[in-house]
PDB file of N, CA and C in Angstrom:
ATOM      1  N   MET A   1      -8.009  -4.482 -20.532  1.00  0.00           N
ATOM      2  CA  MET A   1      -7.632  -5.859 -20.707  1.00  0.00           C
ATOM      3  C   MET A   1      -8.149  -6.724 -19.558  1.00  0.00           C
ATOM      4  N   PHE A   2      -7.892  -6.335 -18.286  1.00  0.00           N
ATOM      5  CA  PHE A   2      -8.374  -7.085 -17.136  1.00  0.00           C
ATOM      6  C   PHE A   2      -9.541  -6.341 -16.502  1.00  0.00           C
ATOM      7  N   ASN A   3     -10.462  -7.100 -15.918  1.00  0.00           N
ATOM      8  CA  ASN A   3     -11.608  -6.507 -15.238  1.00  0.00           C
ATOM      9  C   ASN A   3     -11.485  -6.620 -13.725  1.00  0.00           C
ATOM     10  N   PHE A   4     -10.289  -6.749 -13.239  1.00  0.00           N
ATOM     11  CA  PHE A   4     -10.083  -6.845 -11.800  1.00  0.00           C
ATOM     12  C   PHE A   4      -8.828  -6.065 -11.434  1.00  0.00           C
ATOM     13  N   PRO A   5      -8.730  -5.648 -10.169  1.00  0.00           N
ATOM     14  CA  PRO A   5      -7.516  -4.916  -9.787  1.00  0.00           C
ATOM     15  C   PRO A   5      -6.294  -5.810  -9.865  1.00  0.00           C
ATOM     16  N   LEU A   6      -5.252  -5.314 -10.435  1.00  0.00           N
ATOM     17  CA  LEU A   6      -4.012  -6.067 -10.579  1.00  0.00           C
ATOM     18  C   LEU A   6      -2.894  -5.223  -9.986  1.00  0.00           C
ATOM     19  N   HIS A   7      -2.164  -5.804  -9.040  1.00  0.00           N
ATOM     20  CA  HIS A   7      -1.093  -5.077  -8.381  1.00  0.00           C
ATOM     21  C   HIS A   7       0.197  -5.866  -8.514  1.00  0.00           C
ATOM     22  N   GLN A   8       1.272  -5.148  -8.733  1.00  0.00           N
ATOM     23  CA  GLN A   8       2.583  -5.790  -8.775  1.00  0.00           C
ATOM     24  C   GLN A   8       3.296  -5.483  -7.469  1.00  0.00           C
ATOM     25  N   ILE A   9       3.810  -6.523  -6.832  1.00  0.00           N
ATOM     26  CA  ILE A   9       4.532  -6.361  -5.583  1.00  0.00           C
ATOM     27  C   ILE A   9       5.940  -6.880  -5.804  1.00  0.00           C
ATOM     28  N   LYS A  10       6.908  -6.076  -5.424  1.00  0.00           N
ATOM     29  CA  LYS A  10       8.303  -6.454  -5.617  1.00  0.00           C
ATOM     30  C   LYS A  10       9.084  -6.067  -4.369  1.00  0.00           C
ATOM     31  N   GLU A  11       9.912  -6.972  -3.906  1.00  0.00           N
ATOM     32  CA  GLU A  11      10.790  -6.714  -2.775  1.00  0.00           C
ATOM     33  C   GLU A  11      12.209  -7.084  -3.188  1.00  0.00           C
ATOM     34  N   ASP A  12      13.115  -6.162  -3.018  1.00  0.00           N
ATOM     35  CA  ASP A  12      14.512  -6.441  -3.334  1.00  0.00           C
ATOM     36  C   ASP A  12      15.036  -7.566  -2.448  1.00  0.00           C
ATOM     37  N   PHE A  13      15.826  -8.416  -3.013  1.00  0.00           N
ATOM     38  CA  PHE A  13      16.511  -9.507  -2.323  1.00  0.00           C
ATOM     39  C   PHE A  13      15.577 -10.624  -1.853  1.00  0.00           C
ATOM     40  N   LEU A  14      14.336 -10.648  -2.319  1.00  0.00           N
ATOM     41  CA  LEU A  14      13.417 -11.732  -1.986  1.00  0.00           C
ATOM     42  C   LEU A  14      12.935 -12.400  -3.262  1.00  0.00           C
ATOM     43  N   GLU A  15      12.792 -13.721  -3.206  1.00  0.00           N
ATOM     44  CA  GLU A  15      12.220 -14.444  -4.333  1.00  0.00           C
ATOM     45  C   GLU A  15      10.705 -14.306  -4.288  1.00  0.00           C
ATOM     46  N   ALA A  16      10.071 -14.529  -5.427  1.00  0.00           N
ATOM     47  CA  ALA A  16       8.612 -14.371  -5.526  1.00  0.00           C
ATOM     48  C   ALA A  16       7.873 -15.279  -4.544  1.00  0.00           C
ATOM     49  N   ASP A  17       8.353 -16.509  -4.351  1.00  0.00           N
ATOM     50  CA  ASP A  17       7.648 -17.404  -3.435  1.00  0.00           C
ATOM     51  C   ASP A  17       7.700 -16.900  -1.994  1.00  0.00           C
ATOM     52  N   ASP A  18       8.767 -16.192  -1.630  1.00  0.00           N
ATOM     53  CA  ASP A  18       8.849 -15.607  -0.290  1.00  0.00           C
ATOM     54  C   ASP A  18       7.851 -14.457  -0.132  1.00  0.00           C
ATOM     55  N   VAL A  19       7.708 -13.657  -1.175  1.00  0.00           N
ATOM     56  CA  VAL A  19       6.737 -12.559  -1.144  1.00  0.00           C
ATOM     57  C   VAL A  19       5.318 -13.131  -1.059  1.00  0.00           C
ATOM     58  N   ILE A  20       5.038 -14.147  -1.855  1.00  0.00           N
ATOM     59  CA  ILE A  20       3.712 -14.776  -1.828  1.00  0.00           C
ATOM     60  C   ILE A  20       3.431 -15.352  -0.452  1.00  0.00           C
ATOM     61  N   SER A  21       4.406 -15.986   0.147  1.00  0.00           N
ATOM     62  CA  SER A  21       4.241 -16.553   1.480  1.00  0.00           C
ATOM     63  C   SER A  21       3.890 -15.466   2.505  1.00  0.00           C
ATOM     64  N   GLN A  22       4.533 -14.322   2.415  1.00  0.00           N
ATOM     65  CA  GLN A  22       4.238 -13.220   3.340  1.00  0.00           C
ATOM     66  C   GLN A  22       2.825 -12.674   3.126  1.00  0.00           C
ATOM     67  N   ILE A  23       2.401 -12.584   1.875  1.00  0.00           N
ATOM     68  CA  ILE A  23       1.038 -12.126   1.579  1.00  0.00           C
ATOM     69  C   ILE A  23       0.021 -13.112   2.145  1.00  0.00           C
ATOM     70  N   ILE A  24       0.279 -14.396   1.983  1.00  0.00           N
ATOM     71  CA  ILE A  24      -0.631 -15.423   2.495  1.00  0.00           C
ATOM     72  C   ILE A  24      -0.677 -15.388   4.020  1.00  0.00           C
ATOM     73  N   GLU A  25       0.451 -15.145   4.651  1.00  0.00           N
ATOM     74  CA  GLU A  25       0.463 -15.026   6.115  1.00  0.00           C
ATOM     75  C   GLU A  25      -0.449 -13.873   6.548  1.00  0.00           C
ATOM     76  N   TYR A  26      -0.380 -12.753   5.835  1.00  0.00           N
ATOM     77  CA  TYR A  26      -1.260 -11.619   6.127  1.00  0.00           C
ATOM     78  C   TYR A  26      -2.733 -12.011   5.936  1.00  0.00           C
ATOM     79  N   ILE A  27      -3.028 -12.674   4.840  1.00  0.00           N
ATOM     80  CA  ILE A  27      -4.408 -13.089   4.560  1.00  0.00           C
ATOM     81  C   ILE A  27      -4.928 -14.011   5.660  1.00  0.00           C
ATOM     82  N   ASN A  28      -4.089 -14.939   6.100  1.00  0.00           N
ATOM     83  CA  ASN A  28      -4.500 -15.873   7.143  1.00  0.00           C
ATOM     84  C   ASN A  28      -4.741 -15.188   8.489  1.00  0.00           C
ATOM     85  N   ASN A  29      -4.165 -14.017   8.682  1.00  0.00           N
ATOM     86  CA  ASN A  29      -4.331 -13.296   9.942  1.00  0.00           C
ATOM     87  C   ASN A  29      -5.415 -12.231   9.882  1.00  0.00           C
ATOM     88  N   THR A  30      -6.147 -12.166   8.774  1.00  0.00           N
ATOM     89  CA  THR A  30      -7.248 -11.212   8.648  1.00  0.00           C
ATOM     90  C   THR A  30      -8.491 -11.956   8.184  1.00  0.00           C
ATOM     91  N   ASP A  31      -9.612 -11.302   8.280  1.00  0.00           N
ATOM     92  CA  ASP A  31     -10.862 -11.865   7.749  1.00  0.00           C
ATOM     93  C   ASP A  31     -11.304 -11.111   6.508  1.00  0.00           C
ATOM     94  N   LYS A  32     -10.377 -10.408   5.880  1.00  0.00           N
ATOM     95  CA  LYS A  32     -10.740  -9.541   4.766  1.00  0.00           C
ATOM     96  C   LYS A  32     -10.676 -10.205   3.398  1.00  0.00           C
ATOM     97  N   TYR A  33      -9.781 -11.166   3.222  1.00  0.00           N
ATOM     98  CA  TYR A  33      -9.497 -11.658   1.883  1.00  0.00           C
ATOM     99  C   TYR A  33      -9.470 -13.178   1.814  1.00  0.00           C
ATOM    100  N   ASP A  34      -9.690 -13.680   0.615  1.00  0.00           N
ATOM    101  CA  ASP A  34      -9.416 -15.061   0.250  1.00  0.00           C
ATOM    102  C   ASP A  34      -8.407 -14.993  -0.884  1.00  0.00           C
ATOM    103  N   ALA A  35      -7.655 -16.061  -1.099  1.00  0.00           N
ATOM    104  CA  ALA A  35      -6.639 -16.034  -2.146  1.00  0.00           C
ATOM    105  C   ALA A  35      -6.573 -17.356  -2.889  1.00  0.00           C
ATOM    106  N   VAL A  36      -6.210 -17.257  -4.147  1.00  0.00           N
ATOM    107  CA  VAL A  36      -5.897 -18.431  -4.953  1.00  0.00           C
ATOM    108  C   VAL A  36      -4.517 -18.175  -5.554  1.00  0.00           C
ATOM    109  N   ILE A  37      -3.583 -19.059  -5.243  1.00  0.00           N
ATOM    110  CA  ILE A  37      -2.235 -18.984  -5.797  1.00  0.00           C
ATOM    111  C   ILE A  37      -2.246 -19.789  -7.090  1.00  0.00           C
ATOM    112  N   VAL A  38      -1.807 -19.187  -8.180  1.00  0.00           N
ATOM    113  CA  VAL A  38      -1.753 -19.880  -9.462  1.00  0.00           C
ATOM    114  C   VAL A  38      -0.306 -20.316  -9.690  1.00  0.00           C
ATOM    115  N   SER A  39      -0.079 -21.626  -9.581  1.00  0.00           N
ATOM    116  CA  SER A  39       1.281 -22.133  -9.708  1.00  0.00           C
ATOM    117  C   SER A  39       1.272 -23.650  -9.830  1.00  0.00           C
ATOM    118  N   THR A  40       2.313 -24.177 -10.444  1.00  0.00           N
ATOM    119  CA  THR A  40       2.517 -25.627 -10.476  1.00  0.00           C
ATOM    120  C   THR A  40       3.506 -26.061  -9.389  1.00  0.00           C
ATOM    121  N   ASP A  41       4.063 -25.107  -8.662  1.00  0.00           N
ATOM    122  CA  ASP A  41       5.067 -25.369  -7.635  1.00  0.00           C
ATOM    123  C   ASP A  41       4.425 -26.008  -6.405  1.00  0.00           C
ATOM    124  N   LYS A  42       4.829 -27.226  -6.087  1.00  0.00           N
ATOM    125  CA  LYS A  42       4.263 -27.949  -4.947  1.00  0.00           C
ATOM    126  C   LYS A  42       4.626 -27.313  -3.606  1.00  0.00           C
ATOM    127  N   ASP A  43       5.622 -26.439  -3.588  1.00  0.00           N
ATOM    128  CA  ASP A  43       5.963 -25.741  -2.349  1.00  0.00           C
ATOM    129  C   ASP A  43       4.776 -24.949  -1.811  1.00  0.00           C
ATOM    130  N   PHE A  44       3.908 -24.481  -2.697  1.00  0.00           N
ATOM    131  CA  PHE A  44       2.766 -23.684  -2.261  1.00  0.00           C
ATOM    132  C   PHE A  44       1.691 -24.526  -1.573  1.00  0.00           C
ATOM    133  N   HIS A  45       1.779 -25.841  -1.660  1.00  0.00           N
ATOM    134  CA  HIS A  45       0.815 -26.692  -0.955  1.00  0.00           C
ATOM    135  C   HIS A  45       0.848 -26.427   0.541  1.00  0.00           C
ATOM    136  N   GLN A  46       2.013 -26.016   1.056  1.00  0.00           N
ATOM    137  CA  GLN A  46       2.158 -25.715   2.473  1.00  0.00           C
ATOM    138  C   GLN A  46       1.326 -24.503   2.888  1.00  0.00           C
ATOM    139  N   LEU A  47       0.935 -23.674   1.938  1.00  0.00           N
ATOM    140  CA  LEU A  47       0.217 -22.442   2.252  1.00  0.00           C
ATOM    141  C   LEU A  47      -1.299 -22.589   2.183  1.00  0.00           C
ATOM    142  N   VAL A  48      -1.784 -23.725   1.697  1.00  0.00           N
ATOM    143  CA  VAL A  48      -3.228 -23.934   1.558  1.00  0.00           C
ATOM    144  C   VAL A  48      -3.873 -23.928   2.939  1.00  0.00           C
ATOM    145  N   GLY A  49      -4.993 -23.242   3.026  1.00  0.00           N
ATOM    146  CA  GLY A  49      -5.728 -23.165   4.284  1.00  0.00           C
ATOM    147  C   GLY A  49      -7.180 -22.822   4.011  1.00  0.00           C
ATOM    148  N   SER A  50      -7.903 -22.460   5.050  1.00  0.00           N
ATOM    149  CA  SER A  50      -9.333 -22.187   4.899  1.00  0.00           C
ATOM    150  C   SER A  50      -9.608 -20.984   3.999  1.00  0.00           C
ATOM    151  N   ARG A  51      -8.648 -20.078   3.870  1.00  0.00           N
ATOM    152  CA  ARG A  51      -8.822 -18.890   3.041  1.00  0.00           C
ATOM    153  C   ARG A  51      -7.938 -18.905   1.787  1.00  0.00           C
ATOM    154  N   VAL A  52      -7.162 -19.986   1.618  1.00  0.00           N
ATOM    155  CA  VAL A  52      -6.173 -20.027   0.537  1.00  0.00           C
ATOM    156  C   VAL A  52      -6.248 -21.359  -0.202  1.00  0.00           C
ATOM    157  N   ALA A  53      -6.273 -21.282  -1.532  1.00  0.00           N
ATOM    158  CA  ALA A  53      -6.236 -22.466  -2.389  1.00  0.00           C
ATOM    159  C   ALA A  53      -5.116 -22.275  -3.406  1.00  0.00           C
ATOM    160  N   VAL A  54      -4.738 -23.366  -4.066  1.00  0.00           N
ATOM    161  CA  VAL A  54      -3.741 -23.301  -5.138  1.00  0.00           C
ATOM    162  C   VAL A  54      -4.388 -23.833  -6.406  1.00  0.00           C
ATOM    163  N   TYR A  55      -4.276 -23.062  -7.494  1.00  0.00           N
ATOM    164  CA  TYR A  55      -4.778 -23.500  -8.800  1.00  0.00           C
ATOM    165  C   TYR A  55      -3.580 -23.898  -9.646  1.00  0.00           C
ATOM    166  N   ASN A  56      -3.607 -25.132 -10.140  1.00  0.00           N
ATOM    167  CA  ASN A  56      -2.549 -25.626 -11.016  1.00  0.00           C
ATOM    168  C   ASN A  56      -3.025 -25.443 -12.462  1.00  0.00           C
ATOM    169  N   PRO A  57      -2.413 -24.526 -13.213  1.00  0.00           N
ATOM    170  CA  PRO A  57      -2.877 -24.257 -14.578  1.00  0.00           C
ATOM    171  C   PRO A  57      -2.611 -25.395 -15.565  1.00  0.00           C
ATOM    172  N   ILE A  58      -1.733 -26.327 -15.229  1.00  0.00           N
ATOM    173  CA  ILE A  58      -1.462 -27.453 -16.122  1.00  0.00           C
ATOM    174  C   ILE A  58      -2.546 -28.518 -15.965  1.00  0.00           C
ATOM    175  N   THR A  59      -2.831 -28.879 -14.705  1.00  0.00           N
ATOM    176  CA  THR A  59      -3.848 -29.905 -14.458  1.00  0.00           C
ATOM    177  C   THR A  59      -5.259 -29.318 -14.415  1.00  0.00           C
ATOM    178  N   LYS A  60      -5.338 -27.993 -14.338  1.00  0.00           N
ATOM    179  CA  LYS A  60      -6.620 -27.266 -14.246  1.00  0.00           C
ATOM    180  C   LYS A  60      -7.399 -27.666 -12.990  1.00  0.00           C
ATOM    181  N   LYS A  61      -6.669 -27.954 -11.898  1.00  0.00           N
ATOM    182  CA  LYS A  61      -7.301 -28.340 -10.639  1.00  0.00           C
ATOM    183  C   LYS A  61      -7.041 -27.292  -9.575  1.00  0.00           C
ATOM    184  N   ILE A  62      -8.055 -27.076  -8.753  1.00  0.00           N
ATOM    185  CA  ILE A  62      -7.912 -26.213  -7.588  1.00  0.00           C
ATOM    186  C   ILE A  62      -7.662 -27.114  -6.390  1.00  0.00           C
ATOM    187  N   LEU A  63      -6.571 -26.850  -5.693  1.00  0.00           N
ATOM    188  CA  LEU A  63      -6.207 -27.644  -4.530  1.00  0.00           C
ATOM    189  C   LEU A  63      -6.657 -26.918  -3.273  1.00  0.00           C
ATOM    190  N   THR A  64      -7.551 -27.552  -2.536  1.00  0.00           N
ATOM    191  CA  THR A  64      -8.090 -26.997  -1.304  1.00  0.00           C
ATOM    192  C   THR A  64      -7.586 -27.817  -0.124  1.00  0.00           C
ATOM    193  N   GLU A  65      -7.946 -27.384   1.077  1.00  0.00           N
ATOM    194  CA  GLU A  65      -7.561 -28.151   2.266  1.00  0.00           C
ATOM    195  C   GLU A  65      -8.010 -29.603   2.153  1.00  0.00           C
ATOM    196  N   GLN A  66      -9.257 -29.799   1.773  1.00  0.00           N
ATOM    197  CA  GLN A  66      -9.819 -31.146   1.742  1.00  0.00           C
ATOM    198  C   GLN A  66      -9.096 -32.055   0.745  1.00  0.00           C
ATOM    199  N   ASN A  67      -8.931 -31.599  -0.504  1.00  0.00           N
ATOM    200  CA  ASN A  67      -8.308 -32.522  -1.453  1.00  0.00           C
ATOM    201  C   ASN A  67      -6.802 -32.672  -1.240  1.00  0.00           C
ATOM    202  N   LEU A  68      -6.151 -31.706  -0.595  1.00  0.00           N
ATOM    203  CA  LEU A  68      -4.738 -31.904  -0.248  1.00  0.00           C
ATOM    204  C   LEU A  68      -4.596 -32.884   0.909  1.00  0.00           C
ATOM    205  N   ARG A  69      -5.535 -32.852   1.844  1.00  0.00           N
ATOM    206  CA  ARG A  69      -5.512 -33.854   2.925  1.00  0.00           C
ATOM    207  C   ARG A  69      -5.648 -35.254   2.329  1.00  0.00           C
ATOM    208  N   GLU A  70      -6.536 -35.388   1.360  1.00  0.00           N
ATOM    209  CA  GLU A  70      -6.722 -36.686   0.701  1.00  0.00           C
ATOM    210  C   GLU A  70      -5.480 -37.066  -0.107  1.00  0.00           C
ATOM    211  N   LEU A  71      -4.910 -36.115  -0.824  1.00  0.00           N
ATOM    212  CA  LEU A  71      -3.720 -36.366  -1.639  1.00  0.00           C
ATOM    213  C   LEU A  71      -2.550 -36.860  -0.790  1.00  0.00           C
ATOM    214  N   TYR A  72      -2.315 -36.181   0.334  1.00  0.00           N
ATOM    215  CA  TYR A  72      -1.182 -36.530   1.186  1.00  0.00           C
ATOM    216  C   TYR A  72      -1.545 -37.527   2.288  1.00  0.00           C
ATOM    217  N   GLY A  73      -2.833 -37.771   2.499  1.00  0.00           N
ATOM    218  CA  GLY A  73      -3.254 -38.701   3.535  1.00  0.00           C
ATOM    219  C   GLY A  73      -2.986 -38.195   4.938  1.00  0.00           C
ATOM    220  N   ILE A  74      -3.126 -36.878   5.123  1.00  0.00           N
ATOM    221  CA  ILE A  74      -2.861 -36.277   6.432  1.00  0.00           C
ATOM    222  C   ILE A  74      -3.993 -35.332   6.817  1.00  0.00           C
ATOM    223  N   ARG A  75      -4.104 -35.051   8.110  1.00  0.00           N
ATOM    224  CA  ARG A  75      -5.104 -34.092   8.598  1.00  0.00           C
ATOM    225  C   ARG A  75      -4.537 -32.690   8.682  1.00  0.00           C
ATOM    226  N   ASN A  76      -3.302 -32.572   9.159  1.00  0.00           N
ATOM    227  CA  ASN A  76      -2.704 -31.265   9.405  1.00  0.00           C
ATOM    228  C   ASN A  76      -1.778 -30.894   8.241  1.00  0.00           C
ATOM    229  N   LEU A  77      -2.214 -29.956   7.423  1.00  0.00           N
ATOM    230  CA  LEU A  77      -1.434 -29.581   6.236  1.00  0.00           C
ATOM    231  C   LEU A  77      -0.135 -28.859   6.576  1.00  0.00           C
ATOM    232  N   GLN A  78       0.014 -28.435   7.805  1.00  0.00           N
ATOM    233  CA  GLN A  78       1.281 -27.803   8.193  1.00  0.00           C
ATOM    234  C   GLN A  78       2.421 -28.822   8.165  1.00  0.00           C
ATOM    235  N   ASN A  79       2.086 -30.101   8.093  1.00  0.00           N
ATOM    236  CA  ASN A  79       3.103 -31.147   8.068  1.00  0.00           C
ATOM    237  C   ASN A  79       3.493 -31.585   6.657  1.00  0.00           C
ATOM    238  N   VAL A  80       3.013 -30.875   5.642  1.00  0.00           N
ATOM    239  CA  VAL A  80       3.416 -31.182   4.266  1.00  0.00           C
ATOM    240  C   VAL A  80       4.934 -31.078   4.140  1.00  0.00           C
ATOM    241  N   ALA A  81       5.537 -30.122   4.815  1.00  0.00           N
ATOM    242  CA  ALA A  81       6.991 -29.946   4.747  1.00  0.00           C
ATOM    243  C   ALA A  81       7.726 -31.162   5.308  1.00  0.00           C
ATOM    244  N   TRP A  82       7.177 -31.785   6.363  1.00  0.00           N
ATOM    245  CA  TRP A  82       7.792 -33.002   6.914  1.00  0.00           C
ATOM    246  C   TRP A  82       7.777 -34.123   5.879  1.00  0.00           C
ATOM    247  N   LEU A  83       6.639 -34.288   5.223  1.00  0.00           N
ATOM    248  CA  LEU A  83       6.548 -35.328   4.189  1.00  0.00           C
ATOM    249  C   LEU A  83       7.567 -35.081   3.089  1.00  0.00           C
ATOM    250  N   LYS A  84       7.672 -33.827   2.665  1.00  0.00           N
ATOM    251  CA  LYS A  84       8.604 -33.470   1.598  1.00  0.00           C
ATOM    252  C   LYS A  84      10.052 -33.741   2.029  1.00  0.00           C
ATOM    253  N   ALA A  85      10.361 -33.438   3.273  1.00  0.00           N
ATOM    254  CA  ALA A  85      11.724 -33.658   3.773  1.00  0.00           C
ATOM    255  C   ALA A  85      12.069 -35.145   3.812  1.00  0.00           C
ATOM    256  N   ILE A  86      11.118 -35.976   4.206  1.00  0.00           N
ATOM    257  CA  ILE A  86      11.375 -37.414   4.304  1.00  0.00           C
ATOM    258  C   ILE A  86      11.408 -38.065   2.923  1.00  0.00           C
ATOM    259  N   MET A  87      10.440 -37.701   2.048  1.00  0.00           N
ATOM    260  CA  MET A  87      10.359 -38.315   0.724  1.00  0.00           C
ATOM    261  C   MET A  87      11.388 -37.743  -0.238  1.00  0.00           C
ATOM    262  N   GLY A  88      11.765 -36.486  -0.013  1.00  0.00           N
ATOM    263  CA  GLY A  88      12.662 -35.801  -0.928  1.00  0.00           C
ATOM    264  C   GLY A  88      11.893 -35.080  -2.012  1.00  0.00           C
ATOM    265  N   ASP A  89      12.567 -34.156  -2.662  1.00  0.00           N
ATOM    266  CA  ASP A  89      11.959 -33.381  -3.741  1.00  0.00           C
ATOM    267  C   ASP A  89      13.059 -32.942  -4.691  1.00  0.00           C
ATOM    268  N   ASP A  90      13.086 -33.542  -5.860  1.00  0.00           N
ATOM    269  CA  ASP A  90      14.122 -33.222  -6.845  1.00  0.00           C
ATOM    270  C   ASP A  90      14.105 -31.756  -7.257  1.00  0.00           C
ATOM    271  N   SER A  91      12.907 -31.151  -7.350  1.00  0.00           N
ATOM    272  CA  SER A  91      12.820 -29.771  -7.817  1.00  0.00           C
ATOM    273  C   SER A  91      13.459 -28.791  -6.851  1.00  0.00           C
ATOM    274  N   ASP A  92      13.566 -29.163  -5.577  1.00  0.00           N
ATOM    275  CA  ASP A  92      14.197 -28.303  -4.580  1.00  0.00           C
ATOM    276  C   ASP A  92      15.514 -28.876  -4.069  1.00  0.00           C
ATOM    277  N   SER A  93      16.029 -29.890  -4.752  1.00  0.00           N
ATOM    278  CA  SER A  93      17.282 -30.548  -4.372  1.00  0.00           C
ATOM    279  C   SER A  93      17.259 -31.047  -2.926  1.00  0.00           C
ATOM    280  N   ILE A  94      16.114 -31.603  -2.520  1.00  0.00           N
ATOM    281  CA  ILE A  94      15.992 -32.217  -1.199  1.00  0.00           C
ATOM    282  C   ILE A  94      16.121 -33.722  -1.419  1.00  0.00           C
ATOM    283  N   PRO A  95      17.194 -34.335  -0.905  1.00  0.00           N
ATOM    284  CA  PRO A  95      17.431 -35.745  -1.207  1.00  0.00           C
ATOM    285  C   PRO A  95      16.435 -36.699  -0.557  1.00  0.00           C
ATOM    286  N   GLY A  96      15.917 -36.368   0.611  1.00  0.00           N
ATOM    287  CA  GLY A  96      15.016 -37.276   1.304  1.00  0.00           C
ATOM    288  C   GLY A  96      15.745 -38.516   1.788  1.00  0.00           C
ATOM    289  N   ILE A  97      14.976 -39.478   2.252  1.00  0.00           N
ATOM    290  CA  ILE A  97      15.539 -40.737   2.731  1.00  0.00           C
ATOM    291  C   ILE A  97      15.347 -41.775   1.630  1.00  0.00           C
ATOM    292  N   LYS A  98      16.434 -42.392   1.220  1.00  0.00           N
ATOM    293  CA  LYS A  98      16.412 -43.330   0.101  1.00  0.00           C
ATOM    294  C   LYS A  98      15.382 -44.438   0.328  1.00  0.00           C
ATOM    295  N   GLY A  99      14.564 -44.666  -0.692  1.00  0.00           N
ATOM    296  CA  GLY A  99      13.588 -45.745  -0.668  1.00  0.00           C
ATOM    297  C   GLY A  99      12.275 -45.412   0.027  1.00  0.00           C
ATOM    298  N   ILE A 100      12.115 -44.173   0.476  1.00  0.00           N
ATOM    299  CA  ILE A 100      10.883 -43.817   1.173  1.00  0.00           C
ATOM    300  C   ILE A 100      10.019 -42.939   0.273  1.00  0.00           C
ATOM    301  N   GLY A 101       8.795 -43.420   0.049  1.00  0.00           N
ATOM    302  CA  GLY A 101       7.804 -42.676  -0.714  1.00  0.00           C
ATOM    303  C   GLY A 101       6.692 -42.193   0.207  1.00  0.00           C
ATOM    304  N   LEU A 102       5.597 -41.786  -0.386  1.00  0.00           N
ATOM    305  CA  LEU A 102       4.496 -41.200   0.373  1.00  0.00           C
ATOM    306  C   LEU A 102       3.939 -42.148   1.430  1.00  0.00           C
ATOM    307  N   LYS A 103       3.646 -43.384   1.061  1.00  0.00           N
ATOM    308  CA  LYS A 103       3.017 -44.309   2.019  1.00  0.00           C
ATOM    309  C   LYS A 103       3.911 -44.592   3.218  1.00  0.00           C
ATOM    310  N   THR A 104       5.188 -44.809   2.959  1.00  0.00           N
ATOM    311  CA  THR A 104       6.101 -45.071   4.074  1.00  0.00           C
ATOM    312  C   THR A 104       6.277 -43.823   4.925  1.00  0.00           C
ATOM    313  N   ALA A 105       6.367 -42.661   4.290  1.00  0.00           N
ATOM    314  CA  ALA A 105       6.497 -41.409   5.043  1.00  0.00           C
ATOM    315  C   ALA A 105       5.276 -41.181   5.925  1.00  0.00           C
ATOM    316  N   GLN A 106       4.085 -41.479   5.405  1.00  0.00           N
ATOM    317  CA  GLN A 106       2.867 -41.353   6.213  1.00  0.00           C
ATOM    318  C   GLN A 106       2.934 -42.260   7.431  1.00  0.00           C
ATOM    319  N   LYS A 107       3.412 -43.482   7.245  1.00  0.00           N
ATOM    320  CA  LYS A 107       3.515 -44.425   8.370  1.00  0.00           C
ATOM    321  C   LYS A 107       4.534 -43.937   9.394  1.00  0.00           C
ATOM    322  N   LEU A 108       5.660 -43.419   8.913  1.00  0.00           N
ATOM    323  CA  LEU A 108       6.693 -42.936   9.834  1.00  0.00           C
ATOM    324  C   LEU A 108       6.220 -41.716  10.617  1.00  0.00           C
ATOM    325  N   LEU A 109       5.440 -40.868   9.966  1.00  0.00           N
ATOM    326  CA  LEU A 109       4.977 -39.635  10.606  1.00  0.00           C
ATOM    327  C   LEU A 109       3.604 -39.751  11.230  1.00  0.00           C
ATOM    328  N   HIS A 110       3.001 -40.920  11.177  1.00  0.00           N
ATOM    329  CA  HIS A 110       1.618 -41.048  11.627  1.00  0.00           C
ATOM    330  C   HIS A 110       1.334 -40.362  12.955  1.00  0.00           C
ATOM    331  N   PRO A 111       2.136 -40.572  13.989  1.00  0.00           N
ATOM    332  CA  PRO A 111       1.834 -39.904  15.259  1.00  0.00           C
ATOM    333  C   PRO A 111       1.915 -38.381  15.153  1.00  0.00           C
ATOM    334  N   ILE A 112       2.825 -37.884  14.308  1.00  0.00           N
ATOM    335  CA  ILE A 112       2.974 -36.438  14.153  1.00  0.00           C
ATOM    336  C   ILE A 112       1.920 -35.894  13.192  1.00  0.00           C
ATOM    337  N   VAL A 113       1.837 -36.488  12.022  1.00  0.00           N
ATOM    338  CA  VAL A 113       0.977 -35.982  10.962  1.00  0.00           C
ATOM    339  C   VAL A 113      -0.485 -35.952  11.370  1.00  0.00           C
ATOM    340  N   ASN A 114      -0.938 -36.960  12.058  1.00  0.00           N
ATOM    341  CA  ASN A 114      -2.346 -37.044  12.414  1.00  0.00           C
ATOM    342  C   ASN A 114      -2.673 -36.389  13.744  1.00  0.00           C
ATOM    343  N   SER A 115      -1.707 -35.746  14.364  1.00  0.00           N
ATOM    344  CA  SER A 115      -1.953 -35.069  15.628  1.00  0.00           C
ATOM    345  C   SER A 115      -2.490 -33.667  15.359  1.00  0.00           C
ATOM    346  N   GLU A 116      -3.578 -33.319  15.957  1.00  0.00           N
ATOM    347  CA  GLU A 116      -4.141 -31.970  15.798  1.00  0.00           C
ATOM    348  C   GLU A 116      -3.278 -30.941  16.515  1.00  0.00           C
ATOM    349  N   ALA A 117      -2.505 -31.364  17.511  1.00  0.00           N
ATOM    350  CA  ALA A 117      -1.699 -30.433  18.290  1.00  0.00           C
ATOM    351  C   ALA A 117      -0.434 -30.003  17.534  1.00  0.00           C
ATOM    352  N   VAL A 118       0.005 -30.798  16.577  1.00  0.00           N
ATOM    353  CA  VAL A 118       1.250 -30.502  15.863  1.00  0.00           C
ATOM    354  C   VAL A 118       0.961 -29.700  14.626  1.00  0.00           C
TER     355      VAL A 118
END
């Protein structure tokens, strides 16, 4: 049926996104692999890096470092979580700050988001 190796990984007491995050951390610390996460979950945007992309099967788009920087208007993708915390996220029951969307969050975080050191 498949022409590629397929492995199932399961860890008791961990959700799938936690397992995926650990695998991506391993990939980022080696020069052996590249990865594409197939998901519509925006939480995985935090994991995108030089060796990792996210494919959204609904929009049929591959999200890379470059287009996520453009999408969020930031240089350092490690700060996606800050944007999410300020703007809020209904899917994760994060209320955010009332009345603040992406543009305002970018302005509030500008010194942090655009800093290469952070």
